Amino acid sequence: MSKIVLRSLSLLLGAFFIFLGVLKITPKISKDLHKDLRTEYAKYAKVFPLSKALDFKLASKWYRRAVGGAEILSGLVLMTVPGRMVKNGANIILFGLKMLNCYSHLAINDEFERTAPTLVFMLMLGCRLVVDWQVHRRGPLSDEEEDVDATESSTTADKSTLKQSETAQTKKIQ
């Protein structure tokens, strides 16, 4: 079951970040969203971490393109590459980009409605890492073993429910 969750999260997050990356790079999907992202990244470039301390100016055009390219590449890795470590690397890159995005929203005093999607997808990326860790810790199980494990846990739950109902009936009789 957890392998299905991990695969689903990887596919859905990968597709979402490919979509976002394409929106940031080209206006072919939606001109309005692309224009909105261009104006937002002009604000984000002004509050980029350490830009004032290190005395450099980040071009918003290249910042937006770099983030979009990283999202497309990481999304493709999440969707297509079978290696666990490579997928986790892409997940960590995306998590870092979302943290940077969250910082940018806070630095420009953006409304919560604009920050909320970033927080949601940052949490989903974190959940994907946790599920991957659980699957890896549990070790490789075949599909039959997973079915047996699920059946045993439901049987155990049924037995405990039966005992509770018997105890309740005994108390009513007394």
N, C-alpha and C. Protein backbone atom coordinates (compact mmCIF):
# COMPACT_ATOMS: atom_id res chain seq x y z
N MET A 1 0.82 -1.20 0.00
CA MET A 1 0.00 0.00 0.00
C MET A 1 0.86 1.26 0.00
N SER A 2 1.91 1.27 0.81
CA SER A 2 2.74 2.48 0.89
C SER A 2 3.52 2.70 -0.40
N LYS A 3 3.81 1.63 -1.14
CA LYS A 3 4.48 1.80 -2.43
C LYS A 3 3.56 2.51 -3.42
N ILE A 4 2.28 2.21 -3.35
CA ILE A 4 1.32 2.87 -4.23
C ILE A 4 1.24 4.35 -3.90
N VAL A 5 1.24 4.67 -2.62
CA VAL A 5 1.20 6.07 -2.18
C VAL A 5 2.45 6.79 -2.67
N LEU A 6 3.59 6.16 -2.53
CA LEU A 6 4.85 6.77 -2.95
C LEU A 6 4.87 7.01 -4.46
N ARG A 7 4.43 6.03 -5.22
CA ARG A 7 4.38 6.20 -6.68
C ARG A 7 3.40 7.29 -7.08
N SER A 8 2.25 7.30 -6.43
CA SER A 8 1.23 8.32 -6.75
C SER A 8 1.75 9.72 -6.43
N LEU A 9 2.34 9.88 -5.25
CA LEU A 9 2.89 11.18 -4.89
C LEU A 9 3.98 11.62 -5.87
N SER A 10 4.84 10.68 -6.25
CA SER A 10 5.91 11.01 -7.18
C SER A 10 5.36 11.46 -8.52
N LEU A 11 4.38 10.74 -9.04
CA LEU A 11 3.80 11.09 -10.34
C LEU A 11 3.06 12.42 -10.30
N LEU A 12 2.23 12.60 -9.27
CA LEU A 12 1.44 13.83 -9.19
C LEU A 12 2.30 15.05 -8.91
N LEU A 13 3.24 14.93 -8.00
CA LEU A 13 4.12 16.06 -7.72
C LEU A 13 5.00 16.37 -8.93
N GLY A 14 5.49 15.32 -9.59
CA GLY A 14 6.31 15.54 -10.79
C GLY A 14 5.54 16.27 -11.86
N ALA A 15 4.31 15.85 -12.12
CA ALA A 15 3.48 16.51 -13.14
C ALA A 15 3.19 17.96 -12.76
N PHE A 16 2.90 18.19 -11.48
CA PHE A 16 2.61 19.55 -11.03
C PHE A 16 3.81 20.46 -11.21
N PHE A 17 5.00 19.99 -10.82
CA PHE A 17 6.17 20.85 -10.92
C PHE A 17 6.63 21.05 -12.37
N ILE A 18 6.37 20.08 -13.23
CA ILE A 18 6.64 20.29 -14.66
C ILE A 18 5.72 21.40 -15.17
N PHE A 19 4.45 21.34 -14.80
CA PHE A 19 3.49 22.37 -15.20
C PHE A 19 3.92 23.74 -14.69
N LEU A 20 4.30 23.83 -13.42
CA LEU A 20 4.73 25.12 -12.86
C LEU A 20 5.97 25.65 -13.54
N GLY A 21 6.93 24.75 -13.79
CA GLY A 21 8.16 25.17 -14.45
C GLY A 21 7.91 25.71 -15.84
N VAL A 22 7.03 25.03 -16.59
CA VAL A 22 6.70 25.51 -17.94
C VAL A 22 6.01 26.86 -17.87
N LEU A 23 5.14 27.05 -16.88
CA LEU A 23 4.48 28.36 -16.71
C LEU A 23 5.51 29.47 -16.46
N LYS A 24 6.55 29.16 -15.72
CA LYS A 24 7.56 30.18 -15.40
C LYS A 24 8.44 30.51 -16.59
N ILE A 25 8.63 29.55 -17.47
CA ILE A 25 9.56 29.75 -18.59
C ILE A 25 8.87 30.32 -19.83
N THR A 26 7.68 29.84 -20.12
CA THR A 26 7.02 30.23 -21.38
C THR A 26 5.56 30.63 -21.16
N PRO A 27 5.06 31.57 -21.98
CA PRO A 27 3.65 31.96 -21.86
C PRO A 27 2.70 31.09 -22.69
N LYS A 28 3.16 29.98 -23.24
CA LYS A 28 2.33 29.17 -24.14
C LYS A 28 1.12 28.55 -23.46
N ILE A 29 1.20 28.24 -22.19
CA ILE A 29 0.06 27.64 -21.48
C ILE A 29 -0.95 28.72 -21.09
N SER A 30 -0.45 29.77 -20.43
CA SER A 30 -1.33 30.85 -20.00
C SER A 30 -0.54 32.15 -19.96
N LYS A 31 -0.93 33.08 -20.80
CA LYS A 31 -0.22 34.36 -20.86
C LYS A 31 -0.42 35.16 -19.57
N ASP A 32 -1.63 35.10 -19.01
CA ASP A 32 -1.91 35.85 -17.78
C ASP A 32 -1.10 35.35 -16.60
N LEU A 33 -1.06 34.03 -16.42
CA LEU A 33 -0.27 33.46 -15.32
C LEU A 33 1.22 33.73 -15.51
N HIS A 34 1.70 33.63 -16.73
CA HIS A 34 3.11 33.90 -17.00
C HIS A 34 3.45 35.35 -16.67
N LYS A 35 2.58 36.27 -17.06
CA LYS A 35 2.80 37.69 -16.78
C LYS A 35 2.79 37.95 -15.27
N ASP A 36 1.86 37.30 -14.56
CA ASP A 36 1.79 37.43 -13.10
C ASP A 36 3.07 36.89 -12.45
N LEU A 37 3.56 35.75 -12.94
CA LEU A 37 4.80 35.19 -12.39
C LEU A 37 6.00 36.10 -12.68
N ARG A 38 6.01 36.74 -13.81
CA ARG A 38 7.10 37.66 -14.13
C ARG A 38 7.13 38.83 -13.15
N THR A 39 5.97 39.39 -12.84
CA THR A 39 5.94 40.50 -11.89
C THR A 39 6.29 40.04 -10.48
N GLU A 40 5.84 38.84 -10.11
CA GLU A 40 6.17 38.32 -8.78
C GLU A 40 7.66 38.06 -8.64
N TYR A 41 8.29 37.49 -9.66
CA TYR A 41 9.72 37.20 -9.59
C TYR A 41 10.56 38.47 -9.60
N ALA A 42 10.02 39.57 -10.13
CA ALA A 42 10.72 40.86 -10.02
C ALA A 42 10.79 41.27 -8.54
N LYS A 43 9.71 41.01 -7.80
CA LYS A 43 9.70 41.29 -6.36
C LYS A 43 10.61 40.32 -5.61
N TYR A 44 10.54 39.03 -5.97
CA TYR A 44 11.35 38.01 -5.27
C TYR A 44 12.84 38.26 -5.45
N ALA A 45 13.25 38.74 -6.63
CA ALA A 45 14.67 38.98 -6.89
C ALA A 45 15.22 40.08 -5.98
N LYS A 46 14.37 41.02 -5.62
CA LYS A 46 14.81 42.11 -4.74
C LYS A 46 15.08 41.64 -3.32
N VAL A 47 14.39 40.58 -2.88
CA VAL A 47 14.55 40.10 -1.50
C VAL A 47 15.29 38.77 -1.44
N PHE A 48 16.00 38.41 -2.51
CA PHE A 48 16.75 37.15 -2.52
C PHE A 48 17.72 37.12 -1.35
N PRO A 49 17.79 35.97 -0.63
CA PRO A 49 18.65 35.90 0.56
C PRO A 49 20.11 36.24 0.26
N LEU A 50 20.69 37.02 1.10
CA LEU A 50 22.09 37.43 1.07
C LEU A 50 22.47 38.32 -0.10
N SER A 51 21.52 38.78 -0.90
CA SER A 51 21.88 39.64 -2.04
C SER A 51 22.41 41.00 -1.56
N LYS A 52 21.84 41.52 -0.50
CA LYS A 52 22.33 42.80 0.02
C LYS A 52 23.65 42.62 0.77
N ALA A 53 23.77 41.54 1.53
CA ALA A 53 24.99 41.31 2.30
C ALA A 53 26.18 41.04 1.39
N LEU A 54 25.96 40.34 0.31
CA LEU A 54 27.05 40.02 -0.62
C LEU A 54 27.15 41.04 -1.75
N ASP A 55 26.29 42.03 -1.74
CA ASP A 55 26.30 43.13 -2.70
C ASP A 55 26.25 42.65 -4.15
N PHE A 56 25.20 41.93 -4.47
CA PHE A 56 24.97 41.55 -5.86
C PHE A 56 23.49 41.66 -6.17
N LYS A 57 23.21 41.89 -7.43
CA LYS A 57 21.83 42.02 -7.87
C LYS A 57 21.49 40.83 -8.75
N LEU A 58 20.38 40.19 -8.43
CA LEU A 58 19.93 39.02 -9.17
C LEU A 58 18.92 39.46 -10.22
N ALA A 59 19.17 39.07 -11.46
CA ALA A 59 18.23 39.41 -12.53
C ALA A 59 16.99 38.54 -12.39
N SER A 60 15.82 39.18 -12.29
CA SER A 60 14.58 38.43 -12.06
C SER A 60 14.28 37.47 -13.22
N LYS A 61 14.65 37.85 -14.41
CA LYS A 61 14.41 36.99 -15.58
C LYS A 61 15.17 35.66 -15.45
N TRP A 62 16.42 35.74 -15.06
CA TRP A 62 17.23 34.52 -14.94
C TRP A 62 16.88 33.73 -13.68
N TYR A 63 16.48 34.43 -12.65
CA TYR A 63 16.03 33.77 -11.42
C TYR A 63 14.78 32.93 -11.73
N ARG A 64 13.81 33.54 -12.40
CA ARG A 64 12.57 32.83 -12.77
C ARG A 64 12.87 31.65 -13.69
N ARG A 65 13.74 31.85 -14.66
CA ARG A 65 14.09 30.78 -15.59
C ARG A 65 14.83 29.64 -14.89
N ALA A 66 15.74 30.00 -13.98
CA ALA A 66 16.49 28.96 -13.26
C ALA A 66 15.56 28.13 -12.38
N VAL A 67 14.66 28.80 -11.68
CA VAL A 67 13.71 28.08 -10.83
C VAL A 67 12.79 27.21 -11.69
N GLY A 68 12.29 27.76 -12.79
CA GLY A 68 11.43 26.99 -13.69
C GLY A 68 12.15 25.78 -14.29
N GLY A 69 13.39 25.97 -14.70
CA GLY A 69 14.17 24.85 -15.24
C GLY A 69 14.42 23.77 -14.20
N ALA A 70 14.75 24.20 -12.99
CA ALA A 70 14.98 23.23 -11.90
C ALA A 70 13.69 22.47 -11.58
N GLU A 71 12.55 23.15 -11.63
CA GLU A 71 11.27 22.48 -11.36
C GLU A 71 10.94 21.48 -12.46
N ILE A 72 11.18 21.84 -13.71
CA ILE A 72 10.91 20.91 -14.82
C ILE A 72 11.81 19.69 -14.70
N LEU A 73 13.10 19.91 -14.50
CA LEU A 73 14.05 18.80 -14.41
C LEU A 73 13.73 17.89 -13.22
N SER A 74 13.48 18.48 -12.07
CA SER A 74 13.17 17.69 -10.88
C SER A 74 11.83 16.97 -11.03
N GLY A 75 10.86 17.61 -11.65
CA GLY A 75 9.57 16.97 -11.90
C GLY A 75 9.71 15.77 -12.83
N LEU A 76 10.52 15.92 -13.86
CA LEU A 76 10.78 14.79 -14.77
C LEU A 76 11.45 13.64 -14.05
N VAL A 77 12.39 13.97 -13.18
CA VAL A 77 13.07 12.92 -12.40
C VAL A 77 12.08 12.19 -11.51
N LEU A 78 11.22 12.95 -10.82
CA LEU A 78 10.22 12.32 -9.94
C LEU A 78 9.28 11.40 -10.72
N MET A 79 8.96 11.79 -11.95
CA MET A 79 8.00 10.99 -12.72
C MET A 79 8.63 9.79 -13.42
N THR A 80 9.88 9.91 -13.86
CA THR A 80 10.41 8.89 -14.77
C THR A 80 11.58 8.07 -14.24
N VAL A 81 12.45 8.65 -13.44
CA VAL A 81 13.66 7.94 -13.02
C VAL A 81 13.32 6.92 -11.94
N PRO A 82 13.77 5.67 -12.09
CA PRO A 82 13.42 4.65 -11.11
C PRO A 82 14.27 4.65 -9.83
N GLY A 83 15.41 5.29 -9.82
CA GLY A 83 16.31 5.23 -8.67
C GLY A 83 15.81 6.01 -7.47
N ARG A 84 15.88 5.39 -6.30
CA ARG A 84 15.38 6.00 -5.07
C ARG A 84 16.17 7.24 -4.68
N MET A 85 17.49 7.14 -4.73
CA MET A 85 18.34 8.25 -4.30
C MET A 85 18.21 9.46 -5.24
N VAL A 86 18.08 9.19 -6.53
CA VAL A 86 17.93 10.28 -7.50
C VAL A 86 16.59 10.99 -7.28
N LYS A 87 15.55 10.21 -7.04
CA LYS A 87 14.23 10.80 -6.77
C LYS A 87 14.25 11.63 -5.49
N ASN A 88 14.92 11.12 -4.48
CA ASN A 88 15.02 11.87 -3.22
C ASN A 88 15.82 13.15 -3.41
N GLY A 89 16.85 13.09 -4.25
CA GLY A 89 17.61 14.30 -4.56
C GLY A 89 16.74 15.35 -5.23
N ALA A 90 15.93 14.92 -6.19
CA ALA A 90 15.01 15.83 -6.86
C ALA A 90 13.98 16.38 -5.88
N ASN A 91 13.51 15.52 -4.98
CA ASN A 91 12.54 15.93 -3.97
C ASN A 91 13.15 16.99 -3.06
N ILE A 92 14.39 16.80 -2.66
CA ILE A 92 15.06 17.77 -1.78
C ILE A 92 15.29 19.09 -2.50
N ILE A 93 15.63 19.03 -3.80
CA ILE A 93 15.79 20.27 -4.57
C ILE A 93 14.46 21.03 -4.62
N LEU A 94 13.38 20.31 -4.91
CA LEU A 94 12.07 20.96 -4.95
C LEU A 94 11.66 21.51 -3.59
N PHE A 95 11.97 20.76 -2.53
CA PHE A 95 11.67 21.22 -1.18
C PHE A 95 12.43 22.51 -0.88
N GLY A 96 13.70 22.57 -1.27
CA GLY A 96 14.49 23.78 -1.09
C GLY A 96 13.94 24.96 -1.88
N LEU A 97 13.50 24.69 -3.11
CA LEU A 97 12.90 25.76 -3.92
C LEU A 97 11.62 26.28 -3.27
N LYS A 98 10.82 25.38 -2.71
CA LYS A 98 9.59 25.81 -2.04
C LYS A 98 9.91 26.59 -0.76
N MET A 99 10.97 26.20 -0.06
CA MET A 99 11.37 26.97 1.13
C MET A 99 11.82 28.37 0.72
N LEU A 100 12.57 28.46 -0.37
CA LEU A 100 13.00 29.76 -0.88
C LEU A 100 11.79 30.59 -1.30
N ASN A 101 10.82 29.95 -1.93
CA ASN A 101 9.60 30.62 -2.34
C ASN A 101 8.80 31.11 -1.13
N CYS A 102 8.75 30.29 -0.10
CA CYS A 102 8.05 30.67 1.14
C CYS A 102 8.75 31.88 1.79
N TYR A 103 10.07 31.85 1.81
CA TYR A 103 10.84 32.99 2.34
C TYR A 103 10.52 34.25 1.55
N SER A 104 10.47 34.12 0.23
CA SER A 104 10.20 35.28 -0.63
C SER A 104 8.81 35.85 -0.35
N HIS A 105 7.84 34.99 -0.18
CA HIS A 105 6.49 35.45 0.15
C HIS A 105 6.49 36.22 1.47
N LEU A 106 7.18 35.69 2.46
CA LEU A 106 7.23 36.36 3.76
C LEU A 106 7.99 37.68 3.67
N ALA A 107 9.07 37.70 2.90
CA ALA A 107 9.90 38.91 2.82
C ALA A 107 9.19 40.06 2.14
N ILE A 108 8.29 39.77 1.21
CA ILE A 108 7.56 40.85 0.54
C ILE A 108 6.19 41.09 1.17
N ASN A 109 5.94 40.46 2.30
CA ASN A 109 4.68 40.58 3.03
C ASN A 109 3.48 40.24 2.17
N ASP A 110 3.57 39.10 1.49
CA ASP A 110 2.47 38.62 0.66
C ASP A 110 1.33 38.13 1.53
N GLU A 111 0.14 38.14 0.98
CA GLU A 111 -1.02 37.64 1.70
C GLU A 111 -0.91 36.12 1.87
N PHE A 112 -1.60 35.61 2.87
CA PHE A 112 -1.57 34.18 3.13
C PHE A 112 -2.13 33.37 1.97
N GLU A 113 -3.10 33.92 1.26
CA GLU A 113 -3.71 33.22 0.13
C GLU A 113 -2.69 32.94 -0.96
N ARG A 114 -1.67 33.78 -1.08
CA ARG A 114 -0.63 33.55 -2.08
C ARG A 114 0.45 32.63 -1.55
N THR A 115 0.60 32.57 -0.24
CA THR A 115 1.63 31.72 0.37
C THR A 115 1.12 30.29 0.60
N ALA A 116 -0.17 30.12 0.77
CA ALA A 116 -0.74 28.81 1.12
C ALA A 116 -0.39 27.69 0.13
N PRO A 117 -0.49 27.90 -1.20
CA PRO A 117 -0.12 26.81 -2.11
C PRO A 117 1.33 26.35 -1.94
N THR A 118 2.22 27.30 -1.68
CA THR A 118 3.62 26.95 -1.45
C THR A 118 3.74 26.07 -0.23
N LEU A 119 3.05 26.42 0.84
CA LEU A 119 3.11 25.62 2.06
C LEU A 119 2.54 24.22 1.85
N VAL A 120 1.45 24.13 1.10
CA VAL A 120 0.81 22.83 0.85
C VAL A 120 1.76 21.93 0.08
N PHE A 121 2.37 22.45 -0.98
CA PHE A 121 3.25 21.59 -1.77
C PHE A 121 4.57 21.32 -1.05
N MET A 122 4.99 22.20 -0.18
CA MET A 122 6.16 21.92 0.64
C MET A 122 5.85 20.76 1.60
N LEU A 123 4.66 20.76 2.18
CA LEU A 123 4.25 19.66 3.06
C LEU A 123 4.11 18.35 2.28
N MET A 124 3.58 18.42 1.07
CA MET A 124 3.45 17.21 0.26
C MET A 124 4.82 16.63 -0.09
N LEU A 125 5.78 17.50 -0.40
CA LEU A 125 7.14 17.02 -0.67
C LEU A 125 7.75 16.39 0.59
N GLY A 126 7.48 17.00 1.73
CA GLY A 126 7.95 16.41 3.00
C GLY A 126 7.30 15.06 3.26
N CYS A 127 6.01 14.95 2.98
CA CYS A 127 5.30 13.68 3.16
C CYS A 127 5.87 12.61 2.23
N ARG A 128 6.22 12.99 1.01
CA ARG A 128 6.79 12.02 0.09
C ARG A 128 8.11 11.49 0.63
N LEU A 129 8.91 12.36 1.22
CA LEU A 129 10.18 11.90 1.82
C LEU A 129 9.94 10.96 3.00
N VAL A 130 8.94 11.27 3.82
CA VAL A 130 8.62 10.41 4.97
C VAL A 130 8.13 9.05 4.50
N VAL A 131 7.25 9.02 3.52
CA VAL A 131 6.74 7.74 3.00
C VAL A 131 7.89 6.94 2.39
N ASP A 132 8.78 7.60 1.67
CA ASP A 132 9.93 6.90 1.09
C ASP A 132 10.80 6.30 2.20
N TRP A 133 11.01 7.07 3.25
CA TRP A 133 11.83 6.57 4.37
C TRP A 133 11.16 5.35 5.01
N GLN A 134 9.84 5.40 5.18
CA GLN A 134 9.12 4.27 5.77
C GLN A 134 9.21 3.03 4.88
N VAL A 135 9.05 3.20 3.58
CA VAL A 135 9.14 2.07 2.66
C VAL A 135 10.54 1.48 2.68
N HIS A 136 11.55 2.34 2.70
CA HIS A 136 12.94 1.86 2.72
C HIS A 136 13.27 1.17 4.04
N ARG A 137 12.78 1.71 5.14
CA ARG A 137 13.03 1.12 6.46
C ARG A 137 12.37 -0.23 6.61
N ARG A 138 11.18 -0.35 6.06
CA ARG A 138 10.43 -1.59 6.15
C ARG A 138 11.09 -2.72 5.35
N GLY A 139 11.79 -2.36 4.31
CA GLY A 139 12.46 -3.35 3.49
C GLY A 139 11.58 -3.78 2.33
N PRO A 140 12.17 -4.45 1.38
CA PRO A 140 11.40 -4.86 0.20
C PRO A 140 10.41 -5.98 0.54
N LEU A 141 9.15 -5.74 0.27
CA LEU A 141 8.10 -6.75 0.44
C LEU A 141 7.51 -7.04 -0.93
N SER A 142 7.22 -8.28 -1.16
CA SER A 142 6.54 -8.60 -2.41
C SER A 142 5.07 -8.21 -2.28
N ASP A 143 4.35 -8.21 -3.40
CA ASP A 143 2.93 -7.86 -3.37
C ASP A 143 2.14 -8.84 -2.51
N GLU A 144 2.53 -10.14 -2.54
CA GLU A 144 1.83 -11.14 -1.73
C GLU A 144 2.03 -10.88 -0.25
N GLU A 145 3.27 -10.52 0.14
CA GLU A 145 3.54 -10.23 1.55
C GLU A 145 2.75 -9.01 2.01
N GLU A 146 2.63 -8.00 1.14
CA GLU A 146 1.86 -6.82 1.50
C GLU A 146 0.39 -7.18 1.68
N ASP A 147 -0.14 -8.05 0.81
CA ASP A 147 -1.53 -8.49 0.94
C ASP A 147 -1.75 -9.26 2.24
N VAL A 148 -0.79 -10.15 2.56
CA VAL A 148 -0.89 -10.94 3.80
C VAL A 148 -0.82 -10.01 5.00
N ASP A 149 0.10 -9.03 4.95
CA ASP A 149 0.25 -8.09 6.05
C ASP A 149 -1.03 -7.28 6.24
N ALA A 150 -1.64 -6.85 5.16
CA ALA A 150 -2.89 -6.08 5.26
C ALA A 150 -4.01 -6.95 5.80
N THR A 151 -4.06 -8.21 5.37
CA THR A 151 -5.10 -9.13 5.85
C THR A 151 -4.93 -9.40 7.34
N GLU A 152 -3.69 -9.62 7.77
CA GLU A 152 -3.43 -9.87 9.19
C GLU A 152 -3.81 -8.68 10.04
N SER A 153 -3.50 -7.48 9.58
CA SER A 153 -3.83 -6.31 10.39
C SER A 153 -5.35 -6.11 10.47
N SER A 154 -6.07 -6.38 9.37
CA SER A 154 -7.53 -6.24 9.43
C SER A 154 -8.13 -7.34 10.29
N THR A 155 -7.56 -8.56 10.28
CA THR A 155 -8.05 -9.65 11.12
C THR A 155 -7.82 -9.32 12.59
N THR A 156 -6.66 -8.76 12.91
CA THR A 156 -6.37 -8.36 14.29
C THR A 156 -7.33 -7.28 14.74
N ALA A 157 -7.62 -6.33 13.87
CA ALA A 157 -8.57 -5.27 14.22
C ALA A 157 -9.97 -5.84 14.44
N ASP A 158 -10.37 -6.81 13.60
CA ASP A 158 -11.68 -7.44 13.76
C ASP A 158 -11.77 -8.18 15.08
N LYS A 159 -10.69 -8.88 15.48
CA LYS A 159 -10.68 -9.62 16.75
C LYS A 159 -10.80 -8.66 17.93
N SER A 160 -10.09 -7.54 17.88
CA SER A 160 -10.16 -6.60 19.01
C SER A 160 -11.54 -5.97 19.09
N THR A 161 -12.15 -5.68 17.94
CA THR A 161 -13.50 -5.14 17.93
C THR A 161 -14.49 -6.14 18.50
N LEU A 162 -14.32 -7.41 18.15
CA LEU A 162 -15.19 -8.47 18.66
C LEU A 162 -15.06 -8.59 20.17
N LYS A 163 -13.82 -8.54 20.69
CA LYS A 163 -13.60 -8.62 22.14
C LYS A 163 -14.26 -7.44 22.85
N GLN A 164 -14.14 -6.24 22.27
CA GLN A 164 -14.75 -5.08 22.88
C GLN A 164 -16.26 -5.20 22.94
N SER A 165 -16.86 -5.70 21.87
CA SER A 165 -18.33 -5.84 21.87
C SER A 165 -18.77 -6.92 22.85
N GLU A 166 -17.99 -8.01 22.99
CA GLU A 166 -18.32 -9.06 23.96
C GLU A 166 -18.22 -8.50 25.38
N THR A 167 -17.21 -7.69 25.64
CA THR A 167 -17.03 -7.10 26.96
C THR A 167 -18.19 -6.16 27.27
N ALA A 168 -18.61 -5.39 26.29
CA ALA A 168 -19.73 -4.46 26.47
C ALA A 168 -21.03 -5.22 26.76
N GLN A 169 -21.25 -6.33 26.06
CA GLN A 169 -22.45 -7.13 26.28
C GLN A 169 -22.42 -7.77 27.65
N THR A 170 -21.25 -8.23 28.09
CA THR A 170 -21.13 -8.84 29.40
C THR A 170 -21.45 -7.82 30.49
N LYS A 171 -21.01 -6.60 30.32
CA LYS A 171 -21.26 -5.54 31.31
C LYS A 171 -22.76 -5.22 31.37
N LYS A 172 -23.43 -5.24 30.22
CA LYS A 172 -24.86 -4.96 30.20
C LYS A 172 -25.65 -6.04 30.92
N ILE A 173 -25.22 -7.29 30.78
CA ILE A 173 -25.91 -8.41 31.42
C ILE A 173 -25.74 -8.33 32.93
N GLN A 174 -24.59 -7.93 33.41
CA GLN A 174 -24.31 -7.89 34.85
C GLN A 174 -25.02 -6.71 35.41
